[in-house]
Amino acid sequence: MSILKETYGQAQVIKVTASIFFDSVQEFDAAIQEAEDAGASRLVIDVSGAEMICSSAITTLVKHHSSLKGKGHKLYLAGCNQSVKKVLTLLGLDKLVELTDNVADALR
């Protein structure tokens, strides 16, 4: 998995290019933490390149959602496929993290 980062004003986009499994969660977490530490008020995780995400990656998302919310900032997940969206919805994460069809929608 590789991670690409882009900045749009106060928003940062992190694009993952493959599924996120246990062996890549540390890299995923570090990329999100770096964006959070940089002061991104809006953090968009583009998962359109991921077929699946593991439970450790979901835990990472919850951790960063809580941290960002405490700072008055927001986390978005963009481009979830149906499988990922279904898992997130079953876990109730769609109530915590805003799911958008694409990055452009999250940046609006």
Protein backbone atom coordinates (compact mmCIF):
# COMPACT_ATOMS: atom_id res chain seq x y z
CA MET A 1 0.00 0.00 0.00
CA SER A 2 1.21 3.49 -0.71
CA ILE A 3 -0.17 6.71 0.71
CA LEU A 4 -0.40 9.96 -1.23
CA LYS A 5 -0.95 13.29 0.51
CA GLU A 6 -2.34 16.56 -0.84
CA THR A 7 -3.19 19.86 0.83
CA TYR A 8 -6.10 22.14 -0.10
CA GLY A 9 -5.96 25.18 2.19
CA GLN A 10 -6.80 23.93 5.70
CA ALA A 11 -7.86 20.54 4.32
CA GLN A 12 -5.58 17.58 3.85
CA VAL A 13 -6.34 14.55 1.70
CA ILE A 14 -4.75 11.19 2.35
CA LYS A 15 -5.24 8.74 -0.51
CA VAL A 16 -4.65 5.06 0.07
CA THR A 17 -3.90 3.06 -3.05
CA ALA A 18 -4.72 -0.44 -1.81
CA SER A 19 -6.61 -2.29 0.88
CA ILE A 20 -5.56 -1.50 4.42
CA PHE A 21 -4.58 -4.61 6.35
CA PHE A 22 -2.77 -5.11 9.65
CA ASP A 23 0.71 -4.92 8.12
CA SER A 24 0.07 -1.39 6.81
CA VAL A 25 -1.94 0.11 9.69
CA GLN A 26 1.11 1.69 11.32
CA GLU A 27 1.92 3.58 8.10
CA PHE A 28 -1.75 4.55 7.75
CA ASP A 29 -1.89 5.80 11.35
CA ALA A 30 1.36 7.78 10.93
CA ALA A 31 0.05 9.52 7.79
CA ILE A 32 -3.15 10.55 9.55
CA GLN A 33 -1.25 11.70 12.64
CA GLU A 34 1.08 13.79 10.48
CA ALA A 35 -1.90 15.54 8.86
CA GLU A 36 -3.52 16.06 12.24
CA ASP A 37 -0.29 17.48 13.70
CA ALA A 38 -0.04 19.86 10.72
CA GLY A 39 -3.33 21.41 11.87
CA ALA A 40 -5.67 20.17 9.15
CA SER A 41 -9.16 21.33 10.11
CA ARG A 42 -10.64 18.95 7.56
CA LEU A 43 -9.02 15.60 7.00
CA VAL A 44 -10.22 13.53 4.06
CA ILE A 45 -9.20 9.88 3.77
CA ASP A 46 -9.69 8.77 0.16
CA VAL A 47 -10.26 5.02 0.28
CA SER A 48 -11.41 4.66 -3.31
CA GLY A 49 -8.30 2.53 -3.94
CA ALA A 50 -9.07 0.14 -1.08
CA GLU A 51 -11.19 -2.96 -1.57
CA MET A 52 -11.22 -3.65 2.16
CA ILE A 53 -10.01 -2.24 5.45
CA CYS A 54 -9.18 -4.34 8.52
CA SER A 55 -10.46 -3.85 12.06
CA SER A 56 -7.16 -2.24 13.12
CA ALA A 57 -7.58 0.40 10.40
CA ILE A 58 -11.13 1.03 11.62
CA THR A 59 -9.82 1.47 15.17
CA THR A 60 -7.29 3.97 13.80
CA LEU A 61 -10.10 5.93 12.15
CA VAL A 62 -12.11 6.04 15.40
CA LYS A 63 -9.05 7.22 17.34
CA HIS A 64 -8.36 10.06 14.92
CA HIS A 65 -12.03 11.00 14.66
CA SER A 66 -12.11 11.48 18.44
CA SER A 67 -8.88 13.46 18.46
CA LEU A 68 -9.94 15.71 15.58
CA LYS A 69 -13.41 16.27 17.03
CA GLY A 70 -11.82 17.39 20.31
CA LYS A 71 -10.02 20.11 18.33
CA GLY A 72 -13.18 21.15 16.47
CA HIS A 73 -11.93 19.48 13.28
CA LYS A 74 -13.57 16.87 11.10
CA LEU A 75 -12.69 13.54 9.49
CA TYR A 76 -14.22 12.39 6.20
CA LEU A 77 -13.99 9.09 4.34
CA ALA A 78 -14.30 9.48 0.61
CA GLY A 79 -14.90 6.90 -2.10
CA CYS A 80 -15.87 3.89 0.01
CA ASN A 81 -16.91 0.92 -2.08
CA GLN A 82 -20.06 -0.99 -1.10
CA SER A 83 -18.17 -3.58 1.00
CA VAL A 84 -16.32 -0.98 3.05
CA LYS A 85 -19.44 1.17 3.41
CA LYS A 86 -21.45 -1.83 4.61
CA VAL A 87 -18.91 -2.71 7.31
CA LEU A 88 -18.68 0.92 8.47
CA THR A 89 -22.48 1.20 8.58
CA LEU A 90 -22.87 -2.07 10.51
CA LEU A 91 -20.39 -0.76 13.07
CA GLY A 92 -22.16 2.61 13.26
CA LEU A 93 -19.13 4.53 12.03
CA ASP A 94 -21.25 6.30 9.44
CA LYS A 95 -22.67 8.19 12.45
CA LEU A 96 -19.19 9.35 13.52
CA VAL A 97 -17.32 9.90 10.28
CA GLU A 98 -18.93 11.55 7.29
CA LEU A 99 -18.90 9.25 4.26
CA THR A 100 -18.76 11.01 0.91
CA ASP A 101 -18.86 9.64 -2.62
CA ASN A 102 -15.61 11.36 -3.57
CA VAL A 103 -12.94 13.78 -2.40
CA ALA A 104 -14.57 16.78 -4.09
CA ASP A 105 -17.74 16.29 -2.03
CA ALA A 106 -15.70 16.16 1.20
CA LEU A 107 -13.86 19.37 0.30
CA ARG A 108 -17.07 21.37 -0.21
